[in-house]
């Protein structure tokens, strides 16, 4: 359910105060815990440190992000990866193939000298 048009978008006033009269390139990371705040056009170019529950994740605001929420760009869950034993075996084979390719390339370079 979206917010009422009568009320307008929710933009945290404290964030607007922090960026008022400042240039995006000169300002450092602006820390915020307001994940529900909508991104307004005034915020474009600034870097916000959006809290994900543990740390602040740096988010550079671009024009495509206007209208979205700050929390959408600071994920709260860490994705490791899918797969178990079979995936580990495939990864080790791939690493071994990369190592042998690097060794053969190094030997070819040394042979030319």
N, C-alpha and C. Protein backbone atom coordinates (compact mmCIF):
# COMPACT_ATOMS: atom_id res chain seq x y z
N UNK A 1 0.84 -1.17 0.00
CA UNK A 1 0.00 0.00 0.00
C UNK A 1 0.89 1.25 0.00
N UNK A 2 0.64 2.14 -0.90
CA UNK A 2 1.47 3.32 -1.02
C UNK A 2 0.98 4.42 -0.08
N UNK A 3 1.82 5.39 0.11
CA UNK A 3 1.50 6.53 0.97
C UNK A 3 0.50 7.44 0.25
N UNK A 4 -0.36 8.06 1.03
CA UNK A 4 -1.39 8.94 0.47
C UNK A 4 -0.77 10.11 -0.29
N UNK A 5 -1.32 10.43 -1.44
CA UNK A 5 -0.82 11.56 -2.22
C UNK A 5 -1.03 12.87 -1.48
N UNK A 6 -2.06 12.91 -0.65
CA UNK A 6 -2.35 14.11 0.14
C UNK A 6 -1.19 14.41 1.10
N UNK A 7 -0.60 13.36 1.67
CA UNK A 7 0.49 13.53 2.63
C UNK A 7 1.81 13.83 1.93
N UNK A 8 2.00 13.29 0.76
CA UNK A 8 3.26 13.49 0.04
C UNK A 8 4.28 12.45 0.45
N UNK A 9 5.45 12.47 -0.20
CA UNK A 9 6.48 11.46 0.11
C UNK A 9 7.12 11.73 1.47
N UNK A 10 7.57 10.66 2.13
CA UNK A 10 8.26 10.80 3.41
C UNK A 10 9.73 11.04 3.14
N UNK A 11 10.19 12.24 3.47
CA UNK A 11 11.60 12.58 3.37
C UNK A 11 12.00 13.11 4.73
N UNK A 12 13.00 12.49 5.35
CA UNK A 12 13.44 12.87 6.68
C UNK A 12 14.00 14.30 6.67
N UNK A 13 13.45 15.15 7.51
CA UNK A 13 13.86 16.56 7.53
C UNK A 13 15.30 16.72 7.98
N UNK A 14 15.75 15.84 8.87
CA UNK A 14 17.14 15.94 9.35
C UNK A 14 18.13 15.70 8.21
N UNK A 15 17.80 14.80 7.29
CA UNK A 15 18.67 14.57 6.14
C UNK A 15 18.72 15.79 5.23
N UNK A 16 17.56 16.41 5.03
CA UNK A 16 17.54 17.61 4.19
C UNK A 16 18.35 18.74 4.82
N UNK A 17 18.33 18.84 6.17
CA UNK A 17 19.14 19.85 6.85
C UNK A 17 20.62 19.57 6.67
N UNK A 18 20.99 18.28 6.70
CA UNK A 18 22.40 17.90 6.57
C UNK A 18 22.96 18.23 5.19
N UNK A 19 22.11 18.17 4.16
CA UNK A 19 22.61 18.42 2.80
C UNK A 19 22.32 19.83 2.31
N UNK A 20 21.59 20.62 3.10
CA UNK A 20 21.21 21.97 2.68
C UNK A 20 22.45 22.85 2.52
N UNK A 21 22.61 23.44 1.34
CA UNK A 21 23.69 24.37 1.08
C UNK A 21 25.06 23.74 0.90
N UNK A 22 25.12 22.43 0.78
CA UNK A 22 26.41 21.75 0.62
C UNK A 22 26.53 21.21 -0.80
N UNK A 23 27.78 21.04 -1.23
CA UNK A 23 28.03 20.47 -2.55
C UNK A 23 28.27 18.97 -2.41
N UNK A 24 27.74 18.18 -3.34
CA UNK A 24 27.86 16.71 -3.23
C UNK A 24 29.30 16.20 -3.20
N UNK A 25 30.19 16.81 -3.96
CA UNK A 25 31.55 16.29 -4.05
C UNK A 25 32.37 16.61 -2.81
N UNK A 26 32.08 17.75 -2.15
CA UNK A 26 32.87 18.17 -1.00
C UNK A 26 32.41 17.50 0.29
N UNK A 27 31.16 17.09 0.34
CA UNK A 27 30.62 16.47 1.54
C UNK A 27 31.03 15.00 1.60
N UNK A 28 31.39 14.55 2.79
CA UNK A 28 31.76 13.14 2.95
C UNK A 28 30.52 12.27 3.03
N UNK A 29 30.66 11.16 3.72
CA UNK A 29 29.55 10.23 3.90
C UNK A 29 28.61 10.78 4.96
N UNK A 30 27.33 10.83 4.65
CA UNK A 30 26.32 11.29 5.59
C UNK A 30 25.64 10.06 6.18
N UNK A 31 25.88 9.81 7.47
CA UNK A 31 25.32 8.63 8.11
C UNK A 31 23.84 8.84 8.42
N UNK A 32 23.06 7.79 8.22
CA UNK A 32 21.64 7.85 8.52
C UNK A 32 21.12 6.48 8.93
N UNK A 33 20.14 6.51 9.81
CA UNK A 33 19.45 5.30 10.21
C UNK A 33 18.05 5.28 9.61
N UNK A 34 17.70 6.30 8.85
CA UNK A 34 16.37 6.45 8.28
C UNK A 34 16.28 5.70 6.96
N UNK A 35 16.01 4.39 7.04
CA UNK A 35 15.93 3.55 5.85
C UNK A 35 14.62 3.79 5.09
N UNK A 36 13.59 4.29 5.77
CA UNK A 36 12.28 4.49 5.16
C UNK A 36 12.18 5.79 4.39
N UNK A 37 13.19 6.62 4.47
CA UNK A 37 13.18 7.92 3.80
C UNK A 37 13.24 7.75 2.29
N UNK A 38 12.37 8.46 1.58
CA UNK A 38 12.39 8.41 0.12
C UNK A 38 13.49 9.32 -0.40
N UNK A 39 14.08 8.94 -1.52
CA UNK A 39 15.15 9.72 -2.12
C UNK A 39 14.53 10.82 -2.96
N UNK A 40 14.95 12.05 -2.65
CA UNK A 40 14.42 13.21 -3.39
C UNK A 40 15.48 13.71 -4.37
N UNK A 41 15.10 14.53 -5.34
CA UNK A 41 16.07 15.03 -6.32
C UNK A 41 17.20 15.86 -5.71
N UNK A 42 16.99 16.46 -4.54
CA UNK A 42 18.05 17.24 -3.89
C UNK A 42 19.20 16.36 -3.42
N UNK A 43 18.95 15.07 -3.23
CA UNK A 43 19.95 14.14 -2.69
C UNK A 43 20.89 13.58 -3.76
N UNK A 44 20.63 13.83 -5.02
CA UNK A 44 21.42 13.25 -6.10
C UNK A 44 22.86 13.74 -6.01
N UNK A 45 23.79 12.79 -6.05
CA UNK A 45 25.22 13.10 -6.01
C UNK A 45 25.84 12.93 -4.64
N UNK A 46 25.02 12.90 -3.58
CA UNK A 46 25.55 12.73 -2.23
C UNK A 46 25.78 11.26 -1.93
N UNK A 47 26.67 11.00 -0.97
CA UNK A 47 26.94 9.64 -0.52
C UNK A 47 26.35 9.49 0.88
N UNK A 48 25.44 8.56 1.04
CA UNK A 48 24.81 8.32 2.33
C UNK A 48 25.31 7.00 2.90
N UNK A 49 25.55 6.97 4.19
CA UNK A 49 25.88 5.74 4.89
C UNK A 49 24.59 5.22 5.50
N UNK A 50 23.95 4.27 4.85
CA UNK A 50 22.65 3.76 5.29
C UNK A 50 22.88 2.56 6.20
N UNK A 51 22.30 2.61 7.39
CA UNK A 51 22.51 1.56 8.38
C UNK A 51 21.73 0.31 8.00
N UNK A 52 22.38 -0.84 8.06
CA UNK A 52 21.70 -2.10 7.72
C UNK A 52 21.43 -2.96 8.94
N UNK A 53 21.60 -2.40 10.13
CA UNK A 53 21.40 -3.15 11.36
C UNK A 53 22.71 -3.48 12.04
N UNK A 54 23.80 -3.44 11.30
CA UNK A 54 25.11 -3.74 11.86
C UNK A 54 26.12 -2.64 11.52
N UNK A 55 26.19 -2.27 10.25
CA UNK A 55 27.15 -1.26 9.81
C UNK A 55 26.44 -0.27 8.89
N UNK A 56 27.16 0.77 8.51
CA UNK A 56 26.64 1.73 7.54
C UNK A 56 27.21 1.39 6.18
N UNK A 57 26.34 1.16 5.21
CA UNK A 57 26.76 0.83 3.85
C UNK A 57 26.67 2.10 3.01
N UNK A 58 27.76 2.44 2.32
CA UNK A 58 27.80 3.65 1.53
C UNK A 58 26.97 3.49 0.25
N UNK A 59 26.10 4.46 0.01
CA UNK A 59 25.22 4.45 -1.16
C UNK A 59 25.38 5.79 -1.87
N UNK A 60 25.85 5.77 -3.12
CA UNK A 60 25.94 6.97 -3.94
C UNK A 60 24.62 7.15 -4.66
N UNK A 61 23.97 8.27 -4.44
CA UNK A 61 22.64 8.50 -4.99
C UNK A 61 22.75 9.00 -6.42
N UNK A 62 22.04 8.33 -7.34
CA UNK A 62 22.00 8.74 -8.74
C UNK A 62 20.56 9.12 -9.10
N UNK A 63 20.38 9.63 -10.30
CA UNK A 63 19.05 10.08 -10.73
C UNK A 63 18.05 8.93 -10.84
N UNK A 64 18.53 7.73 -11.12
CA UNK A 64 17.64 6.58 -11.26
C UNK A 64 17.01 6.18 -9.93
N UNK A 65 17.63 6.58 -8.82
CA UNK A 65 17.18 6.16 -7.49
C UNK A 65 16.08 7.06 -6.93
N UNK A 66 15.80 8.18 -7.56
CA UNK A 66 14.80 9.12 -7.04
C UNK A 66 13.45 8.43 -6.98
N UNK A 67 12.79 8.56 -5.83
CA UNK A 67 11.49 7.93 -5.61
C UNK A 67 11.58 6.62 -4.86
N UNK A 68 12.76 6.01 -4.82
CA UNK A 68 12.94 4.78 -4.06
C UNK A 68 13.28 5.12 -2.62
N UNK A 69 13.37 4.11 -1.78
CA UNK A 69 13.72 4.29 -0.37
C UNK A 69 15.20 4.02 -0.18
N UNK A 70 15.80 4.65 0.84
CA UNK A 70 17.21 4.45 1.11
C UNK A 70 17.51 2.99 1.49
N UNK A 71 16.59 2.36 2.20
CA UNK A 71 16.79 0.99 2.66
C UNK A 71 16.87 -0.03 1.55
N UNK A 72 16.37 0.31 0.38
CA UNK A 72 16.41 -0.64 -0.74
C UNK A 72 17.83 -0.89 -1.23
N UNK A 73 18.74 0.04 -0.95
CA UNK A 73 20.10 -0.07 -1.46
C UNK A 73 21.09 -0.48 -0.38
N UNK A 74 20.59 -0.80 0.80
CA UNK A 74 21.43 -1.28 1.90
C UNK A 74 20.84 -2.58 2.41
N UNK A 75 21.31 -3.69 1.88
CA UNK A 75 20.73 -4.98 2.19
C UNK A 75 21.03 -5.38 3.63
N UNK A 76 20.03 -6.02 4.27
CA UNK A 76 20.18 -6.41 5.67
C UNK A 76 20.63 -7.86 5.83
N UNK A 77 20.53 -8.63 4.78
CA UNK A 77 20.94 -10.04 4.86
C UNK A 77 22.12 -10.29 3.93
N UNK A 78 23.04 -11.11 4.39
CA UNK A 78 24.24 -11.40 3.61
C UNK A 78 24.05 -12.70 2.84
N UNK A 79 24.20 -12.63 1.54
CA UNK A 79 24.08 -13.81 0.69
C UNK A 79 25.44 -14.46 0.59
N UNK A 80 25.54 -15.74 0.99
CA UNK A 80 26.81 -16.44 0.86
C UNK A 80 26.91 -17.05 -0.53
N UNK A 81 26.30 -18.17 -0.76
CA UNK A 81 26.08 -18.71 -2.10
C UNK A 81 25.44 -20.07 -2.00
N UNK A 82 24.84 -20.50 -3.07
CA UNK A 82 24.17 -21.78 -3.11
C UNK A 82 25.18 -22.89 -3.36
N UNK A 83 24.81 -24.06 -3.01
CA UNK A 83 25.65 -25.21 -3.32
C UNK A 83 26.28 -25.79 -2.07
N UNK A 84 26.66 -27.04 -2.16
CA UNK A 84 27.28 -27.73 -1.03
C UNK A 84 28.58 -28.35 -1.47
N UNK A 85 28.70 -29.66 -1.27
CA UNK A 85 29.93 -30.38 -1.61
C UNK A 85 30.23 -30.31 -3.11
N UNK A 86 29.22 -30.47 -3.91
CA UNK A 86 29.42 -30.48 -5.36
C UNK A 86 29.95 -29.12 -5.82
N UNK A 87 29.39 -28.05 -5.26
CA UNK A 87 29.84 -26.71 -5.64
C UNK A 87 31.28 -26.48 -5.21
N UNK A 88 31.66 -26.98 -4.02
CA UNK A 88 33.04 -26.84 -3.56
C UNK A 88 34.00 -27.56 -4.50
N UNK A 89 33.62 -28.76 -4.94
CA UNK A 89 34.46 -29.53 -5.86
C UNK A 89 34.63 -28.78 -7.18
N UNK A 90 33.55 -28.22 -7.68
CA UNK A 90 33.63 -27.46 -8.93
C UNK A 90 34.53 -26.23 -8.77
N UNK A 91 34.43 -25.57 -7.62
CA UNK A 91 35.26 -24.40 -7.37
C UNK A 91 36.74 -24.76 -7.28
N UNK A 92 37.06 -25.87 -6.63
CA UNK A 92 38.46 -26.28 -6.52
C UNK A 92 39.03 -26.67 -7.87
N UNK A 93 38.23 -27.36 -8.70
CA UNK A 93 38.69 -27.71 -10.05
C UNK A 93 38.94 -26.46 -10.88
N UNK A 94 38.07 -25.49 -10.74
CA UNK A 94 38.23 -24.25 -11.49
C UNK A 94 39.50 -23.51 -11.05
N UNK A 95 39.76 -23.48 -9.74
CA UNK A 95 40.97 -22.82 -9.24
C UNK A 95 42.22 -23.54 -9.72
N UNK A 96 42.19 -24.86 -9.72
CA UNK A 96 43.33 -25.64 -10.19
C UNK A 96 43.59 -25.36 -11.68
N UNK A 97 42.52 -25.25 -12.45
CA UNK A 97 42.67 -24.96 -13.87
C UNK A 97 43.27 -23.57 -14.07
N UNK A 98 42.87 -22.62 -13.27
CA UNK A 98 43.43 -21.27 -13.37
C UNK A 98 44.91 -21.26 -13.01
N UNK A 99 45.27 -22.01 -11.98
CA UNK A 99 46.68 -22.07 -11.55
C UNK A 99 47.54 -22.70 -12.63
N UNK A 100 47.07 -23.79 -13.22
CA UNK A 100 47.85 -24.45 -14.28
C UNK A 100 47.97 -23.54 -15.51
N UNK A 101 46.91 -22.82 -15.83
CA UNK A 101 46.96 -21.90 -16.97
C UNK A 101 47.97 -20.78 -16.70
N UNK A 102 47.99 -20.28 -15.48
CA UNK A 102 48.94 -19.22 -15.12
C UNK A 102 50.37 -19.74 -15.16
N UNK A 103 50.59 -20.95 -14.70
CA UNK A 103 51.92 -21.54 -14.71
C UNK A 103 52.41 -21.77 -16.14
N UNK A 104 51.52 -22.24 -17.01
CA UNK A 104 51.92 -22.49 -18.39
C UNK A 104 52.21 -21.17 -19.11
N UNK A 105 51.43 -20.13 -18.80
CA UNK A 105 51.70 -18.83 -19.41
C UNK A 105 53.04 -18.27 -18.93
N UNK A 106 53.34 -18.47 -17.66
CA UNK A 106 54.60 -18.00 -17.10
C UNK A 106 55.77 -18.76 -17.72
N UNK A 107 55.61 -20.06 -17.92
CA UNK A 107 56.67 -20.87 -18.53
C UNK A 107 56.89 -20.46 -19.98
N UNK A 108 55.81 -20.11 -20.68
CA UNK A 108 55.94 -19.69 -22.07
C UNK A 108 56.68 -18.35 -22.16
N UNK A 109 56.44 -17.47 -21.22
CA UNK A 109 57.13 -16.17 -21.21
C UNK A 109 58.61 -16.37 -20.92
N UNK A 110 58.92 -17.24 -19.97
CA UNK A 110 60.31 -17.52 -19.62
C UNK A 110 61.05 -18.22 -20.77
N UNK A 111 60.33 -19.06 -21.52
CA UNK A 111 60.96 -19.76 -22.64
C UNK A 111 61.34 -18.80 -23.77
N UNK A 112 60.56 -17.74 -23.94
CA UNK A 112 60.86 -16.75 -24.99
C UNK A 112 62.09 -15.94 -24.65
N UNK A 113 62.40 -15.79 -23.37
CA UNK A 113 63.57 -15.00 -22.96
C UNK A 113 64.79 -15.77 -23.19
